[in-house]
N, C-alpha and C. Protein backbone atom coordinates (compact mmCIF):
# COMPACT_ATOMS: atom_id res chain seq x y z
N UNK A 1 22.80 2.62 12.12
CA UNK A 1 22.24 1.96 13.30
C UNK A 1 22.59 0.47 13.24
N UNK A 2 23.08 -0.05 14.35
CA UNK A 2 23.43 -1.46 14.42
C UNK A 2 22.16 -2.30 14.37
N UNK A 3 22.23 -3.41 13.68
CA UNK A 3 21.08 -4.30 13.57
C UNK A 3 20.84 -4.95 14.93
N UNK A 4 19.60 -4.84 15.41
CA UNK A 4 19.26 -5.45 16.68
C UNK A 4 19.25 -6.96 16.53
N UNK A 5 19.73 -7.63 17.58
CA UNK A 5 19.73 -9.09 17.56
C UNK A 5 18.31 -9.59 17.79
N UNK A 6 17.91 -10.55 17.00
CA UNK A 6 16.57 -11.13 17.15
C UNK A 6 16.51 -11.91 18.46
N UNK A 7 15.47 -11.67 19.26
CA UNK A 7 15.36 -12.39 20.53
C UNK A 7 15.06 -13.87 20.31
N UNK A 8 15.63 -14.69 21.20
CA UNK A 8 15.31 -16.12 21.16
C UNK A 8 14.33 -16.37 22.31
N UNK A 9 13.07 -16.35 21.94
CA UNK A 9 11.97 -16.50 22.91
C UNK A 9 11.47 -17.95 22.89
N UNK A 10 10.64 -18.33 23.85
CA UNK A 10 10.02 -19.66 23.78
C UNK A 10 9.28 -19.87 22.45
N UNK A 11 8.70 -18.79 21.90
CA UNK A 11 8.00 -18.89 20.61
C UNK A 11 8.97 -19.24 19.49
N UNK A 12 10.10 -18.57 19.44
CA UNK A 12 11.10 -18.84 18.41
C UNK A 12 11.63 -20.26 18.55
N UNK A 13 11.86 -20.68 19.78
CA UNK A 13 12.34 -22.06 20.01
C UNK A 13 11.32 -23.08 19.49
N UNK A 14 10.03 -22.83 19.77
CA UNK A 14 8.98 -23.75 19.32
C UNK A 14 8.91 -23.78 17.79
N UNK A 15 8.99 -22.60 17.16
CA UNK A 15 8.93 -22.54 15.70
C UNK A 15 10.12 -23.27 15.08
N UNK A 16 11.29 -23.08 15.64
CA UNK A 16 12.48 -23.79 15.12
C UNK A 16 12.34 -25.29 15.30
N UNK A 17 11.84 -25.71 16.46
CA UNK A 17 11.65 -27.14 16.72
C UNK A 17 10.64 -27.75 15.75
N UNK A 18 9.64 -26.96 15.34
CA UNK A 18 8.61 -27.43 14.42
C UNK A 18 9.05 -27.30 12.96
N UNK A 19 10.28 -26.83 12.76
CA UNK A 19 10.84 -26.62 11.41
C UNK A 19 9.93 -25.70 10.58
N UNK A 20 9.43 -24.66 11.25
CA UNK A 20 8.53 -23.70 10.60
C UNK A 20 9.32 -22.67 9.80
N UNK A 21 8.76 -22.28 8.68
CA UNK A 21 9.33 -21.19 7.89
C UNK A 21 8.74 -19.89 8.42
N UNK A 22 9.62 -18.97 8.86
CA UNK A 22 9.14 -17.69 9.36
C UNK A 22 10.21 -16.62 9.18
N UNK A 23 9.74 -15.38 9.10
CA UNK A 23 10.66 -14.25 9.02
C UNK A 23 10.55 -13.47 10.33
N UNK A 24 11.62 -12.78 10.69
CA UNK A 24 11.66 -12.05 11.96
C UNK A 24 11.60 -10.56 11.69
N UNK A 25 10.77 -9.86 12.46
CA UNK A 25 10.56 -8.43 12.25
C UNK A 25 10.57 -7.68 13.58
N UNK A 26 11.62 -6.90 13.80
CA UNK A 26 11.70 -6.05 14.99
C UNK A 26 11.15 -4.67 14.64
N UNK A 27 10.49 -4.03 15.57
CA UNK A 27 9.98 -2.68 15.34
C UNK A 27 9.97 -1.93 16.67
N UNK A 28 9.81 -0.63 16.61
CA UNK A 28 9.77 0.21 17.81
C UNK A 28 8.40 0.04 18.49
N UNK A 29 8.39 -0.64 19.61
CA UNK A 29 7.15 -0.90 20.35
C UNK A 29 6.65 0.39 21.00
N UNK A 30 5.34 0.60 20.94
CA UNK A 30 4.71 1.73 21.62
C UNK A 30 3.67 1.19 22.59
N UNK A 31 3.77 1.59 23.84
CA UNK A 31 2.80 1.18 24.86
C UNK A 31 1.38 1.50 24.39
N UNK A 32 0.51 0.53 24.45
CA UNK A 32 -0.91 0.65 24.04
C UNK A 32 -1.09 0.98 22.55
N UNK A 33 -0.06 0.74 21.75
CA UNK A 33 -0.14 1.03 20.32
C UNK A 33 -0.86 -0.05 19.54
N UNK A 34 -0.78 -1.27 20.04
CA UNK A 34 -1.48 -2.39 19.42
C UNK A 34 -1.05 -2.69 17.99
N UNK A 35 -1.94 -3.34 17.27
CA UNK A 35 -1.61 -3.79 15.92
C UNK A 35 -1.51 -2.63 14.94
N UNK A 36 -2.12 -1.50 15.25
CA UNK A 36 -2.03 -0.34 14.35
C UNK A 36 -0.57 0.13 14.25
N UNK A 37 0.12 0.16 15.39
CA UNK A 37 1.52 0.58 15.40
C UNK A 37 2.41 -0.44 14.70
N UNK A 38 2.24 -1.72 15.02
CA UNK A 38 3.09 -2.73 14.39
C UNK A 38 2.85 -2.78 12.88
N UNK A 39 1.62 -2.64 12.45
CA UNK A 39 1.32 -2.62 11.01
C UNK A 39 1.99 -1.43 10.34
N UNK A 40 1.89 -0.26 10.98
CA UNK A 40 2.52 0.95 10.44
C UNK A 40 4.04 0.78 10.38
N UNK A 41 4.64 0.27 11.43
CA UNK A 41 6.09 0.11 11.50
C UNK A 41 6.61 -0.90 10.46
N UNK A 42 5.82 -1.94 10.20
CA UNK A 42 6.23 -2.95 9.22
C UNK A 42 5.78 -2.61 7.81
N UNK A 43 4.89 -1.63 7.68
CA UNK A 43 4.39 -1.25 6.36
C UNK A 43 3.47 -2.30 5.76
N UNK A 44 2.64 -2.91 6.61
CA UNK A 44 1.70 -3.95 6.16
C UNK A 44 0.28 -3.57 6.61
N UNK A 45 -0.71 -4.23 6.03
CA UNK A 45 -2.10 -3.99 6.41
C UNK A 45 -2.35 -4.51 7.83
N UNK A 46 -3.08 -3.73 8.62
CA UNK A 46 -3.39 -4.15 9.99
C UNK A 46 -4.19 -5.46 10.00
N UNK A 47 -4.93 -5.72 8.94
CA UNK A 47 -5.72 -6.95 8.82
C UNK A 47 -4.81 -8.19 8.84
N UNK A 48 -3.55 -8.04 8.39
CA UNK A 48 -2.61 -9.16 8.34
C UNK A 48 -1.80 -9.31 9.62
N UNK A 49 -1.93 -8.35 10.54
CA UNK A 49 -1.26 -8.46 11.83
C UNK A 49 -2.26 -9.12 12.77
N UNK A 50 -1.90 -10.29 13.27
CA UNK A 50 -2.84 -11.10 14.04
C UNK A 50 -2.60 -10.94 15.54
N UNK A 51 -3.68 -10.59 16.25
CA UNK A 51 -3.60 -10.45 17.70
C UNK A 51 -3.68 -11.83 18.34
N UNK A 52 -2.89 -12.02 19.39
CA UNK A 52 -2.98 -13.21 20.22
C UNK A 52 -3.65 -12.78 21.52
N UNK A 53 -4.87 -13.21 21.73
CA UNK A 53 -5.65 -12.80 22.90
C UNK A 53 -5.80 -13.97 23.87
N UNK A 54 -5.46 -13.72 25.13
CA UNK A 54 -5.65 -14.73 26.16
C UNK A 54 -6.97 -14.40 26.86
N UNK A 55 -7.88 -15.34 26.80
CA UNK A 55 -9.20 -15.16 27.39
C UNK A 55 -9.48 -16.32 28.34
N UNK A 56 -10.59 -16.23 29.04
CA UNK A 56 -10.99 -17.34 29.91
C UNK A 56 -12.50 -17.46 29.92
N UNK A 57 -12.95 -18.70 30.21
CA UNK A 57 -14.39 -18.91 30.29
C UNK A 57 -14.85 -18.68 31.73
N UNK A 58 -16.12 -18.92 31.99
CA UNK A 58 -16.67 -18.62 33.31
C UNK A 58 -16.02 -19.43 34.42
N UNK A 59 -15.43 -20.57 34.09
CA UNK A 59 -14.75 -21.37 35.12
C UNK A 59 -13.26 -21.03 35.19
N UNK A 60 -12.88 -19.94 34.54
CA UNK A 60 -11.49 -19.43 34.51
C UNK A 60 -10.53 -20.31 33.74
N UNK A 61 -11.06 -21.18 32.88
CA UNK A 61 -10.21 -22.00 32.02
C UNK A 61 -9.69 -21.10 30.89
N UNK A 62 -8.37 -21.02 30.73
CA UNK A 62 -7.81 -20.12 29.71
C UNK A 62 -7.91 -20.67 28.30
N UNK A 63 -7.94 -19.75 27.33
CA UNK A 63 -7.93 -20.12 25.92
C UNK A 63 -7.27 -19.00 25.13
N UNK A 64 -6.81 -19.34 23.93
CA UNK A 64 -6.14 -18.39 23.06
C UNK A 64 -7.05 -18.12 21.87
N UNK A 65 -7.17 -16.84 21.50
CA UNK A 65 -7.93 -16.47 20.30
C UNK A 65 -7.00 -15.69 19.39
N UNK A 66 -6.92 -16.12 18.12
CA UNK A 66 -6.15 -15.40 17.10
C UNK A 66 -7.14 -14.63 16.24
N UNK A 67 -6.93 -13.30 16.17
CA UNK A 67 -7.88 -12.44 15.47
C UNK A 67 -7.14 -11.38 14.66
N UNK A 68 -7.73 -11.00 13.52
CA UNK A 68 -7.18 -9.91 12.71
C UNK A 68 -7.00 -8.68 13.58
N UNK A 69 -5.93 -7.93 13.33
CA UNK A 69 -5.65 -6.74 14.11
C UNK A 69 -6.71 -5.67 14.02
N UNK A 70 -7.41 -5.61 12.90
CA UNK A 70 -8.42 -4.57 12.71
C UNK A 70 -9.84 -5.04 13.04
N UNK A 71 -9.95 -6.18 13.69
CA UNK A 71 -11.27 -6.71 14.06
C UNK A 71 -11.30 -7.01 15.56
N UNK A 72 -12.51 -7.17 16.08
CA UNK A 72 -12.70 -7.53 17.49
C UNK A 72 -13.30 -8.93 17.57
N UNK A 73 -13.25 -9.52 18.75
CA UNK A 73 -13.83 -10.83 18.97
C UNK A 73 -15.21 -10.66 19.60
N UNK A 74 -16.21 -11.31 19.01
CA UNK A 74 -17.53 -11.38 19.64
C UNK A 74 -17.44 -12.48 20.69
N UNK A 75 -17.23 -12.06 21.95
CA UNK A 75 -17.08 -13.06 23.02
C UNK A 75 -18.37 -13.84 23.22
N UNK A 76 -19.49 -13.19 22.96
CA UNK A 76 -20.79 -13.87 23.08
C UNK A 76 -20.89 -15.00 22.05
N UNK A 77 -20.49 -14.71 20.81
CA UNK A 77 -20.54 -15.73 19.75
C UNK A 77 -19.52 -16.84 20.03
N UNK A 78 -18.33 -16.47 20.49
CA UNK A 78 -17.31 -17.47 20.81
C UNK A 78 -17.81 -18.40 21.91
N UNK A 79 -18.39 -17.83 22.96
CA UNK A 79 -18.92 -18.65 24.07
C UNK A 79 -19.97 -19.63 23.55
N UNK A 80 -20.85 -19.13 22.67
CA UNK A 80 -21.89 -20.00 22.10
C UNK A 80 -21.27 -21.15 21.31
N UNK A 81 -20.26 -20.82 20.49
CA UNK A 81 -19.62 -21.84 19.65
C UNK A 81 -18.89 -22.92 20.45
N UNK A 82 -18.27 -22.50 21.56
CA UNK A 82 -17.49 -23.49 22.32
C UNK A 82 -18.28 -24.03 23.51
N UNK A 83 -19.58 -23.68 23.56
CA UNK A 83 -20.51 -24.23 24.53
C UNK A 83 -20.12 -23.93 25.98
N UNK A 84 -19.85 -22.65 26.24
CA UNK A 84 -19.63 -22.20 27.61
C UNK A 84 -20.55 -21.01 27.84
N UNK A 85 -20.74 -20.63 29.11
CA UNK A 85 -21.65 -19.52 29.42
C UNK A 85 -21.08 -18.18 28.99
N UNK A 86 -19.78 -17.98 29.21
CA UNK A 86 -19.19 -16.68 28.87
C UNK A 86 -17.69 -16.82 28.60
N UNK A 87 -17.18 -15.87 27.84
CA UNK A 87 -15.75 -15.76 27.57
C UNK A 87 -15.38 -14.29 27.78
N UNK A 88 -14.33 -14.06 28.54
CA UNK A 88 -13.88 -12.69 28.79
C UNK A 88 -12.37 -12.61 28.64
N UNK A 89 -11.85 -11.43 28.26
CA UNK A 89 -10.40 -11.26 28.19
C UNK A 89 -9.81 -11.36 29.60
N UNK A 90 -8.64 -11.94 29.70
CA UNK A 90 -7.94 -12.03 30.98
C UNK A 90 -7.34 -10.68 31.34
N UNK A 91 -7.23 -10.42 32.62
CA UNK A 91 -6.46 -9.27 33.08
C UNK A 91 -5.00 -9.51 32.69
N UNK A 92 -4.22 -8.45 32.45
CA UNK A 92 -2.83 -8.63 32.03
C UNK A 92 -2.01 -9.57 32.91
N UNK A 93 -2.17 -9.49 34.24
CA UNK A 93 -1.38 -10.35 35.13
C UNK A 93 -1.81 -11.82 35.03
N UNK A 94 -3.09 -12.06 34.75
CA UNK A 94 -3.59 -13.43 34.57
C UNK A 94 -3.12 -13.97 33.22
N UNK A 95 -3.18 -13.12 32.19
CA UNK A 95 -2.70 -13.53 30.86
C UNK A 95 -1.22 -13.91 30.94
N UNK A 96 -0.43 -13.14 31.68
CA UNK A 96 0.99 -13.44 31.87
C UNK A 96 1.16 -14.79 32.56
N UNK A 97 0.36 -15.05 33.59
CA UNK A 97 0.44 -16.32 34.31
C UNK A 97 0.16 -17.50 33.39
N UNK A 98 -0.85 -17.37 32.53
CA UNK A 98 -1.21 -18.46 31.62
C UNK A 98 -0.21 -18.63 30.48
N UNK A 99 0.19 -17.51 29.89
CA UNK A 99 1.00 -17.58 28.66
C UNK A 99 2.50 -17.52 28.88
N UNK A 100 2.91 -16.84 29.95
CA UNK A 100 4.34 -16.61 30.17
C UNK A 100 4.84 -15.38 29.43
N UNK A 101 3.94 -14.65 28.78
CA UNK A 101 4.32 -13.47 28.00
C UNK A 101 3.62 -12.23 28.56
N UNK A 102 4.32 -11.09 28.48
CA UNK A 102 3.73 -9.81 28.83
C UNK A 102 2.70 -9.42 27.77
N UNK A 103 1.60 -8.80 28.18
CA UNK A 103 0.62 -8.29 27.23
C UNK A 103 1.35 -7.30 26.32
N UNK A 104 1.10 -7.41 25.02
CA UNK A 104 1.84 -6.61 24.04
C UNK A 104 2.98 -7.42 23.43
N UNK A 105 3.26 -8.56 24.05
CA UNK A 105 4.30 -9.45 23.56
C UNK A 105 3.85 -10.89 23.57
N UNK A 106 2.54 -11.10 23.63
CA UNK A 106 1.99 -12.46 23.74
C UNK A 106 2.02 -13.18 22.40
N UNK A 107 2.67 -14.32 22.40
CA UNK A 107 2.72 -15.17 21.21
C UNK A 107 1.83 -16.39 21.43
N UNK A 108 1.24 -16.92 20.37
CA UNK A 108 0.48 -18.17 20.52
C UNK A 108 1.41 -19.38 20.60
N UNK A 109 2.69 -19.17 20.29
CA UNK A 109 3.67 -20.26 20.29
C UNK A 109 4.45 -20.26 21.60
N UNK A 110 4.72 -21.46 22.12
CA UNK A 110 5.58 -21.57 23.30
C UNK A 110 4.98 -21.00 24.56
N UNK A 111 3.68 -21.12 24.72
CA UNK A 111 3.04 -20.61 25.93
C UNK A 111 3.41 -21.47 27.13
N UNK A 112 3.36 -20.84 28.30
CA UNK A 112 3.73 -21.51 29.55
C UNK A 112 2.88 -22.77 29.78
N UNK A 113 1.59 -22.66 29.48
CA UNK A 113 0.72 -23.84 29.63
C UNK A 113 -0.03 -24.05 28.32
N UNK A 114 -0.35 -25.30 28.05
CA UNK A 114 -1.10 -25.62 26.84
C UNK A 114 -2.53 -25.13 27.01
N UNK A 115 -3.03 -24.45 26.00
CA UNK A 115 -4.39 -23.92 26.03
C UNK A 115 -5.03 -24.20 24.68
N UNK A 116 -6.37 -24.36 24.64
CA UNK A 116 -7.02 -24.50 23.34
C UNK A 116 -6.85 -23.20 22.55
N UNK A 117 -6.65 -23.33 21.23
CA UNK A 117 -6.45 -22.17 20.37
C UNK A 117 -7.62 -22.09 19.39
N UNK A 118 -8.20 -20.90 19.27
CA UNK A 118 -9.28 -20.63 18.34
C UNK A 118 -8.77 -19.56 17.37
N UNK A 119 -8.90 -19.85 16.08
CA UNK A 119 -8.41 -18.94 15.04
C UNK A 119 -9.56 -18.49 14.17
N UNK A 120 -9.65 -17.18 13.95
CA UNK A 120 -10.66 -16.65 13.02
C UNK A 120 -10.39 -17.28 11.66
N UNK A 121 -11.39 -17.94 11.10
CA UNK A 121 -11.23 -18.73 9.88
C UNK A 121 -10.66 -17.93 8.70
N UNK A 122 -11.06 -16.67 8.57
CA UNK A 122 -10.62 -15.86 7.43
C UNK A 122 -9.12 -15.55 7.45
N UNK A 123 -8.46 -15.80 8.56
CA UNK A 123 -7.00 -15.62 8.61
C UNK A 123 -6.33 -16.52 7.58
N UNK A 124 -6.90 -17.70 7.37
CA UNK A 124 -6.33 -18.65 6.41
C UNK A 124 -6.40 -18.16 4.97
N UNK A 125 -7.23 -17.14 4.70
CA UNK A 125 -7.35 -16.60 3.35
C UNK A 125 -6.19 -15.67 2.98
N UNK A 126 -5.41 -15.26 3.97
CA UNK A 126 -4.31 -14.33 3.72
C UNK A 126 -3.06 -15.08 3.27
N UNK A 127 -2.25 -14.47 2.38
CA UNK A 127 -1.03 -15.14 1.93
C UNK A 127 0.07 -15.14 2.98
N UNK A 128 0.08 -14.11 3.85
CA UNK A 128 1.13 -13.97 4.86
C UNK A 128 0.55 -13.22 6.04
N UNK A 129 0.85 -13.70 7.24
CA UNK A 129 0.38 -13.01 8.44
C UNK A 129 1.57 -12.73 9.36
N UNK A 130 1.35 -11.82 10.28
CA UNK A 130 2.37 -11.43 11.25
C UNK A 130 1.79 -11.64 12.64
N UNK A 131 2.50 -12.42 13.45
CA UNK A 131 2.08 -12.70 14.82
C UNK A 131 3.20 -12.31 15.77
N UNK A 132 2.85 -12.13 17.03
CA UNK A 132 3.87 -11.78 17.99
C UNK A 132 4.84 -12.93 18.18
N UNK A 133 6.10 -12.57 18.25
CA UNK A 133 7.16 -13.57 18.42
C UNK A 133 7.56 -13.81 19.86
N UNK A 134 6.81 -13.25 20.81
CA UNK A 134 7.08 -13.52 22.21
C UNK A 134 7.78 -12.40 22.95
N UNK A 135 7.86 -11.23 22.33
CA UNK A 135 8.49 -10.07 22.96
C UNK A 135 7.86 -8.83 22.37
N UNK A 136 7.68 -7.81 23.18
CA UNK A 136 7.14 -6.54 22.67
C UNK A 136 8.09 -6.00 21.60
N UNK A 137 7.52 -5.61 20.46
CA UNK A 137 8.34 -5.07 19.37
C UNK A 137 8.96 -6.13 18.49
N UNK A 138 8.41 -7.35 18.52
CA UNK A 138 8.96 -8.45 17.71
C UNK A 138 7.83 -9.30 17.14
N UNK A 139 7.70 -9.29 15.81
CA UNK A 139 6.70 -10.12 15.13
C UNK A 139 7.39 -11.14 14.24
N UNK A 140 6.70 -12.24 13.99
CA UNK A 140 7.17 -13.22 13.01
C UNK A 140 6.17 -13.24 11.86
N UNK A 141 6.69 -13.29 10.64
CA UNK A 141 5.85 -13.39 9.45
C UNK A 141 5.77 -14.85 9.03
N UNK A 142 4.55 -15.32 8.76
CA UNK A 142 4.35 -16.74 8.43
C UNK A 142 3.17 -16.93 7.48
N UNK A 143 3.20 -18.05 6.79
CA UNK A 143 2.03 -18.50 6.04
C UNK A 143 1.00 -18.95 7.08
N UNK A 144 -0.24 -18.50 7.00
CA UNK A 144 -1.22 -18.89 8.01
C UNK A 144 -1.48 -20.40 8.08
N UNK A 145 -1.25 -21.10 6.98
CA UNK A 145 -1.44 -22.56 7.01
C UNK A 145 -0.34 -23.23 7.82
N UNK A 146 0.83 -22.60 7.86
CA UNK A 146 1.93 -23.10 8.70
C UNK A 146 1.56 -22.90 10.17
N UNK A 147 0.95 -21.77 10.48
CA UNK A 147 0.48 -21.50 11.85
C UNK A 147 -0.54 -22.57 12.25
N UNK A 148 -1.47 -22.85 11.36
CA UNK A 148 -2.50 -23.86 11.64
C UNK A 148 -1.88 -25.25 11.82
N UNK A 149 -0.86 -25.56 11.03
CA UNK A 149 -0.18 -26.86 11.16
C UNK A 149 0.42 -27.01 12.56
N UNK A 150 1.03 -25.96 13.05
CA UNK A 150 1.73 -26.04 14.34
C UNK A 150 0.76 -25.97 15.52
N UNK A 151 -0.18 -25.04 15.48
CA UNK A 151 -1.07 -24.83 16.64
C UNK A 151 -2.31 -25.72 16.64
N UNK A 152 -2.69 -26.25 15.48
CA UNK A 152 -3.88 -27.06 15.36
C UNK A 152 -5.10 -26.37 16.01
N UNK A 153 -5.39 -25.15 15.55
CA UNK A 153 -6.48 -24.40 16.16
C UNK A 153 -7.86 -24.88 15.71
N UNK A 154 -8.85 -24.54 16.48
CA UNK A 154 -10.24 -24.71 16.08
C UNK A 154 -10.59 -23.45 15.31
N UNK A 155 -11.08 -23.61 14.09
CA UNK A 155 -11.44 -22.45 13.27
C UNK A 155 -12.83 -21.96 13.68
N UNK A 156 -12.94 -20.63 13.83
CA UNK A 156 -14.20 -20.03 14.24
C UNK A 156 -14.48 -18.79 13.39
N UNK A 157 -15.73 -18.35 13.44
CA UNK A 157 -16.12 -17.10 12.77
C UNK A 157 -16.76 -16.24 13.84
N UNK A 158 -15.91 -15.44 14.50
CA UNK A 158 -16.38 -14.62 15.64
C UNK A 158 -15.92 -13.16 15.51
N UNK A 159 -15.46 -12.76 14.33
CA UNK A 159 -14.99 -11.39 14.13
C UNK A 159 -16.14 -10.40 14.04
N UNK A 160 -15.95 -9.24 14.65
CA UNK A 160 -16.90 -8.14 14.51
C UNK A 160 -16.14 -6.87 14.20
């Protein structure tokens, strides 16, 4: 099988511009497979595959949440922490409008518009994480501290 060419997405461009150390991982994308499929395809723990979630508050202001693949976000706790009434996941078409990425291929890097980023604090405890590289079926492997250096996220504890 011929080696697939790694896509050059806005995320990859941003990582290169930031002189970030990252590895590229292509896998067979499955519709609605989520982090369980990518973890299985890469042979890594789902806990190390980080979801990039585009959410919005009650005034429709968008935000990014980075969460372990095997955990969920307590939107109630997140809303309390960031002092808003509510936080809800965006509809796929709204997430695309904010991020510039299709759901299933959403990267926290190189988003269409700048948004505040919230990262589950325990992600920093992992030696290596995998995040979406801006295309379905494409993850980048990185040191979580490198991710924090580039995105400058607010650390939160909202996993359930």
